[in-house]
């Protein structure tokens, strides 16, 4: 995994745009173009929130890794959790290994930061995506209305914390 820099802005935007276009073709629109354009995501890249997963030397997926999420998880203690958002994988690498790589990295990074949980969410009416999370080991935590989205929230308990 590589923390994205401004030099990676186009790559991050391309991966997000490719995933958004595929979701649109499946009638599962999630991100509008204005939500994943370079001008919109540049701040998150500058803040060091985006990470890039590589497969065979090619940028294959992206994810936002945060240590606070007061929008989707305002009702929990923030200090013991890390959060994933905007996970996207190029279609040529779809099938699980890139997302698994991202999850494993995020769990290890969360462990290094002393976190007890890795949390994420998705639109609740996405059974295939929910099964990806559940098959990896994320447990359903709760459902919540967040703005226009009704989301299913998931958590992965991190064991063997380093002290």
C-alpha atoms as a PDB file:
ATOM      1  CA  UNK A   1       0.000   0.000   0.000  1.00  0.00           C
ATOM      2  CA  UNK A   2       1.166   3.463  -0.855  1.00  0.00           C
ATOM      3  CA  UNK A   3      -0.112   6.708   0.653  1.00  0.00           C
ATOM      4  CA  UNK A   4      -1.302   8.823  -2.253  1.00  0.00           C
ATOM      5  CA  UNK A   5       0.382  12.148  -2.936  1.00  0.00           C
ATOM      6  CA  UNK A   6      -0.568  14.935  -5.298  1.00  0.00           C
ATOM      7  CA  UNK A   7       1.408  13.080  -7.969  1.00  0.00           C
ATOM      8  CA  UNK A   8      -1.163  10.274  -7.607  1.00  0.00           C
ATOM      9  CA  UNK A   9      -4.242  12.508  -7.882  1.00  0.00           C
ATOM     10  CA  UNK A  10      -5.073  11.416 -11.445  1.00  0.00           C
ATOM     11  CA  UNK A  11      -4.666   7.733 -10.548  1.00  0.00           C
ATOM     12  CA  UNK A  12      -6.974   8.005  -7.538  1.00  0.00           C
ATOM     13  CA  UNK A  13      -9.582   9.883  -9.570  1.00  0.00           C
ATOM     14  CA  UNK A  14      -9.371   7.375 -12.446  1.00  0.00           C
ATOM     15  CA  UNK A  15      -9.906   4.370 -10.167  1.00  0.00           C
ATOM     16  CA  UNK A  16     -12.849   6.024  -8.419  1.00  0.00           C
ATOM     17  CA  UNK A  17     -14.346   7.108 -11.760  1.00  0.00           C
ATOM     18  CA  UNK A  18     -14.000   3.624 -13.238  1.00  0.00           C
ATOM     19  CA  UNK A  19     -15.752   2.100 -10.223  1.00  0.00           C
ATOM     20  CA  UNK A  20     -18.485   4.739 -10.328  1.00  0.00           C
ATOM     21  CA  UNK A  21     -19.107   4.127 -14.042  1.00  0.00           C
ATOM     22  CA  UNK A  22     -19.360   0.376 -13.459  1.00  0.00           C
ATOM     23  CA  UNK A  23     -21.827   0.925 -10.609  1.00  0.00           C
ATOM     24  CA  UNK A  24     -23.886   3.212 -12.868  1.00  0.00           C
ATOM     25  CA  UNK A  25     -24.031   0.502 -15.558  1.00  0.00           C
ATOM     26  CA  UNK A  26     -25.292  -1.933 -12.917  1.00  0.00           C
ATOM     27  CA  UNK A  27     -28.030   0.564 -11.886  1.00  0.00           C
ATOM     28  CA  UNK A  28     -26.338   0.991  -8.506  1.00  0.00           C
ATOM     29  CA  UNK A  29     -25.254   4.621  -8.753  1.00  0.00           C
ATOM     30  CA  UNK A  30     -23.226   5.648  -5.735  1.00  0.00           C
ATOM     31  CA  UNK A  31     -20.804   8.471  -6.504  1.00  0.00           C
ATOM     32  CA  UNK A  32     -21.706  11.330  -8.770  1.00  0.00           C
ATOM     33  CA  UNK A  33     -18.863  12.650 -10.985  1.00  0.00           C
ATOM     34  CA  UNK A  34     -18.621  15.821  -8.926  1.00  0.00           C
ATOM     35  CA  UNK A  35     -17.977  13.733  -5.772  1.00  0.00           C
ATOM     36  CA  UNK A  36     -14.923  11.967  -7.206  1.00  0.00           C
ATOM     37  CA  UNK A  37     -13.408  14.590  -9.503  1.00  0.00           C
ATOM     38  CA  UNK A  38      -9.838  15.729  -8.964  1.00  0.00           C
ATOM     39  CA  UNK A  39     -11.047  19.091  -7.656  1.00  0.00           C
ATOM     40  CA  UNK A  40     -13.185  17.348  -5.033  1.00  0.00           C
ATOM     41  CA  UNK A  41     -10.742  14.693  -3.834  1.00  0.00           C
ATOM     42  CA  UNK A  42      -7.594  16.845  -3.878  1.00  0.00           C
ATOM     43  CA  UNK A  43      -8.074  17.904  -0.253  1.00  0.00           C
ATOM     44  CA  UNK A  44      -8.312  14.286   0.946  1.00  0.00           C
ATOM     45  CA  UNK A  45      -5.191  13.435  -1.058  1.00  0.00           C
ATOM     46  CA  UNK A  46      -3.353  16.424   0.413  1.00  0.00           C
ATOM     47  CA  UNK A  47      -4.408  15.317   3.907  1.00  0.00           C
ATOM     48  CA  UNK A  48      -2.937  11.873   3.244  1.00  0.00           C
ATOM     49  CA  UNK A  49      -6.253  10.035   3.572  1.00  0.00           C
ATOM     50  CA  UNK A  50      -6.096   8.088   0.289  1.00  0.00           C
ATOM     51  CA  UNK A  51      -4.022   4.933  -0.078  1.00  0.00           C
ATOM     52  CA  UNK A  52      -3.346   2.989  -3.252  1.00  0.00           C
ATOM     53  CA  UNK A  53      -3.147  -0.803  -3.516  1.00  0.00           C
ATOM     54  CA  UNK A  54      -0.908  -2.266  -6.198  1.00  0.00           C
ATOM     55  CA  UNK A  55      -1.178  -5.574  -7.988  1.00  0.00           C
ATOM     56  CA  UNK A  56       1.465  -6.687 -10.463  1.00  0.00           C
ATOM     57  CA  UNK A  57       2.982  -3.205 -10.223  1.00  0.00           C
ATOM     58  CA  UNK A  58      -0.253  -1.521 -11.317  1.00  0.00           C
ATOM     59  CA  UNK A  59      -2.392   0.796  -9.180  1.00  0.00           C
ATOM     60  CA  UNK A  60      -5.352  -1.543  -8.707  1.00  0.00           C
ATOM     61  CA  UNK A  61      -7.439  -0.026  -5.923  1.00  0.00           C
ATOM     62  CA  UNK A  62      -7.857   2.912  -3.589  1.00  0.00           C
ATOM     63  CA  UNK A  63      -9.293   3.544  -0.159  1.00  0.00           C
ATOM     64  CA  UNK A  64      -9.625   6.358   2.361  1.00  0.00           C
ATOM     65  CA  UNK A  65      -8.274   5.476   5.808  1.00  0.00           C
ATOM     66  CA  UNK A  66      -9.417   7.748   8.642  1.00  0.00           C
ATOM     67  CA  UNK A  67      -9.024   7.754  12.413  1.00  0.00           C
ATOM     68  CA  UNK A  68     -12.243   9.679  12.932  1.00  0.00           C
ATOM     69  CA  UNK A  69     -15.679   9.560  11.292  1.00  0.00           C
ATOM     70  CA  UNK A  70     -18.294  11.760  12.882  1.00  0.00           C
ATOM     71  CA  UNK A  71     -20.575  11.623   9.820  1.00  0.00           C
ATOM     72  CA  UNK A  72     -21.311   7.890   9.575  1.00  0.00           C
ATOM     73  CA  UNK A  73     -20.284   6.898  13.144  1.00  0.00           C
ATOM     74  CA  UNK A  74     -21.191   9.848  15.416  1.00  0.00           C
ATOM     75  CA  UNK A  75     -22.598   7.577  18.116  1.00  0.00           C
ATOM     76  CA  UNK A  76     -19.418   5.698  19.049  1.00  0.00           C
ATOM     77  CA  UNK A  77     -16.171   6.512  20.787  1.00  0.00           C
ATOM     78  CA  UNK A  78     -13.854   7.608  17.991  1.00  0.00           C
ATOM     79  CA  UNK A  79     -10.521   6.942  19.693  1.00  0.00           C
ATOM     80  CA  UNK A  80     -10.682   3.135  19.510  1.00  0.00           C
ATOM     81  CA  UNK A  81     -11.550   2.871  15.795  1.00  0.00           C
ATOM     82  CA  UNK A  82     -10.227   3.428  12.307  1.00  0.00           C
ATOM     83  CA  UNK A  83     -12.559   3.855   9.339  1.00  0.00           C
ATOM     84  CA  UNK A  84     -12.514   2.985   5.652  1.00  0.00           C
ATOM     85  CA  UNK A  85     -14.332   4.889   2.902  1.00  0.00           C
ATOM     86  CA  UNK A  86     -14.336   5.087  -0.884  1.00  0.00           C
ATOM     87  CA  UNK A  87     -12.885   1.637  -1.411  1.00  0.00           C
ATOM     88  CA  UNK A  88     -12.680   1.106  -5.168  1.00  0.00           C
ATOM     89  CA  UNK A  89     -10.952  -1.508  -7.324  1.00  0.00           C
ATOM     90  CA  UNK A  90     -10.243  -1.361 -11.042  1.00  0.00           C
ATOM     91  CA  UNK A  91     -12.525  -3.781 -12.912  1.00  0.00           C
ATOM     92  CA  UNK A  92      -9.532  -5.621 -14.355  1.00  0.00           C
ATOM     93  CA  UNK A  93      -8.605  -6.575 -10.777  1.00  0.00           C
ATOM     94  CA  UNK A  94     -12.126  -7.287  -9.484  1.00  0.00           C
ATOM     95  CA  UNK A  95     -12.630 -10.561  -7.700  1.00  0.00           C
ATOM     96  CA  UNK A  96     -11.456 -10.118  -4.165  1.00  0.00           C
ATOM     97  CA  UNK A  97      -7.674 -10.190  -3.915  1.00  0.00           C
ATOM     98  CA  UNK A  98      -7.218  -6.400  -4.031  1.00  0.00           C
ATOM     99  CA  UNK A  99      -9.963  -5.690  -1.503  1.00  0.00           C
ATOM    100  CA  UNK A 100      -8.535  -8.448   0.709  1.00  0.00           C
ATOM    101  CA  UNK A 101      -5.105  -6.808   0.445  1.00  0.00           C
ATOM    102  CA  UNK A 102      -6.647  -3.471   1.435  1.00  0.00           C
ATOM    103  CA  UNK A 103      -8.508  -4.997   4.395  1.00  0.00           C
ATOM    104  CA  UNK A 104      -5.403  -6.812   5.670  1.00  0.00           C
ATOM    105  CA  UNK A 105      -3.304  -3.675   5.370  1.00  0.00           C
ATOM    106  CA  UNK A 106      -5.963  -1.568   7.127  1.00  0.00           C
ATOM    107  CA  UNK A 107      -6.239  -4.069   9.982  1.00  0.00           C
ATOM    108  CA  UNK A 108      -2.478  -4.106  10.492  1.00  0.00           C
ATOM    109  CA  UNK A 109      -2.226  -0.327  10.275  1.00  0.00           C
ATOM    110  CA  UNK A 110      -5.119   0.023  12.737  1.00  0.00           C
ATOM    111  CA  UNK A 111      -3.370  -2.406  15.079  1.00  0.00           C
ATOM    112  CA  UNK A 112      -0.159  -0.336  14.873  1.00  0.00           C
ATOM    113  CA  UNK A 113      -2.201   2.746  15.795  1.00  0.00           C
ATOM    114  CA  UNK A 114      -3.652   0.926  18.829  1.00  0.00           C
ATOM    115  CA  UNK A 115      -7.191   0.760  17.472  1.00  0.00           C
ATOM    116  CA  UNK A 116      -9.648  -1.918  18.606  1.00  0.00           C
ATOM    117  CA  UNK A 117     -11.962  -1.762  15.585  1.00  0.00           C
ATOM    118  CA  UNK A 118     -11.821  -1.196  11.854  1.00  0.00           C
ATOM    119  CA  UNK A 119     -15.174   0.123  10.688  1.00  0.00           C
ATOM    120  CA  UNK A 120     -16.799   0.724   7.325  1.00  0.00           C
ATOM    121  CA  UNK A 121     -20.234   1.179   5.825  1.00  0.00           C
ATOM    122  CA  UNK A 122     -22.098   0.668   2.591  1.00  0.00           C
ATOM    123  CA  UNK A 123     -25.509   1.396   1.182  1.00  0.00           C
ATOM    124  CA  UNK A 124     -27.703  -1.162   2.944  1.00  0.00           C
ATOM    125  CA  UNK A 125     -29.341  -2.531  -0.213  1.00  0.00           C
ATOM    126  CA  UNK A 126     -26.085  -3.946  -1.652  1.00  0.00           C
ATOM    127  CA  UNK A 127     -26.169  -7.647  -0.682  1.00  0.00           C
ATOM    128  CA  UNK A 128     -23.148  -8.636  -2.814  1.00  0.00           C
ATOM    129  CA  UNK A 129     -20.970  -5.935  -1.286  1.00  0.00           C
ATOM    130  CA  UNK A 130     -22.210  -6.756   2.194  1.00  0.00           C
ATOM    131  CA  UNK A 131     -21.299 -10.406   1.655  1.00  0.00           C
ATOM    132  CA  UNK A 132     -17.751  -9.367   0.656  1.00  0.00           C
ATOM    133  CA  UNK A 133     -17.400  -7.613   4.010  1.00  0.00           C
ATOM    134  CA  UNK A 134     -19.023 -10.449   5.949  1.00  0.00           C
ATOM    135  CA  UNK A 135     -16.984 -13.152   4.201  1.00  0.00           C
ATOM    136  CA  UNK A 136     -13.811 -11.309   5.157  1.00  0.00           C
ATOM    137  CA  UNK A 137     -14.904 -11.227   8.806  1.00  0.00           C
ATOM    138  CA  UNK A 138     -16.602  -7.870   9.296  1.00  0.00           C
ATOM    139  CA  UNK A 139     -19.631  -8.102  11.580  1.00  0.00           C
ATOM    140  CA  UNK A 140     -22.803  -6.104  11.007  1.00  0.00           C
ATOM    141  CA  UNK A 141     -22.949  -3.419  13.684  1.00  0.00           C
ATOM    142  CA  UNK A 142     -26.088  -1.444  12.822  1.00  0.00           C
ATOM    143  CA  UNK A 143     -28.014   0.412  10.156  1.00  0.00           C
ATOM    144  CA  UNK A 144     -28.262   4.178  10.060  1.00  0.00           C
ATOM    145  CA  UNK A 145     -29.761   6.924   7.934  1.00  0.00           C
ATOM    146  CA  UNK A 146     -27.014   9.346   6.882  1.00  0.00           C
ATOM    147  CA  UNK A 147     -28.348  12.133   4.702  1.00  0.00           C
ATOM    148  CA  UNK A 148     -29.806  10.531   1.580  1.00  0.00           C
ATOM    149  CA  UNK A 149     -28.215   7.155   2.337  1.00  0.00           C
ATOM    150  CA  UNK A 150     -29.488   4.283   4.468  1.00  0.00           C
ATOM    151  CA  UNK A 151     -26.268   2.480   5.329  1.00  0.00           C
ATOM    152  CA  UNK A 152     -25.267  -0.803   6.891  1.00  0.00           C
ATOM    153  CA  UNK A 153     -22.359  -0.286   9.278  1.00  0.00           C
ATOM    154  CA  UNK A 154     -19.752  -2.981   9.818  1.00  0.00           C
ATOM    155  CA  UNK A 155     -16.892  -3.496  12.224  1.00  0.00           C
ATOM    156  CA  UNK A 156     -13.912  -5.798  12.431  1.00  0.00           C
ATOM    157  CA  UNK A 157     -12.558  -6.405  15.915  1.00  0.00           C
ATOM    158  CA  UNK A 158      -8.789  -6.140  16.015  1.00  0.00           C
ATOM    159  CA  UNK A 159      -7.164  -8.605  18.382  1.00  0.00           C
ATOM    160  CA  UNK A 160      -3.608  -8.871  19.701  1.00  0.00           C
ATOM    161  CA  UNK A 161      -3.020  -5.160  20.035  1.00  0.00           C
ATOM    162  CA  UNK A 162       0.618  -4.158  20.371  1.00  0.00           C
ATOM    163  CA  UNK A 163       1.271  -2.283  23.588  1.00  0.00           C
END
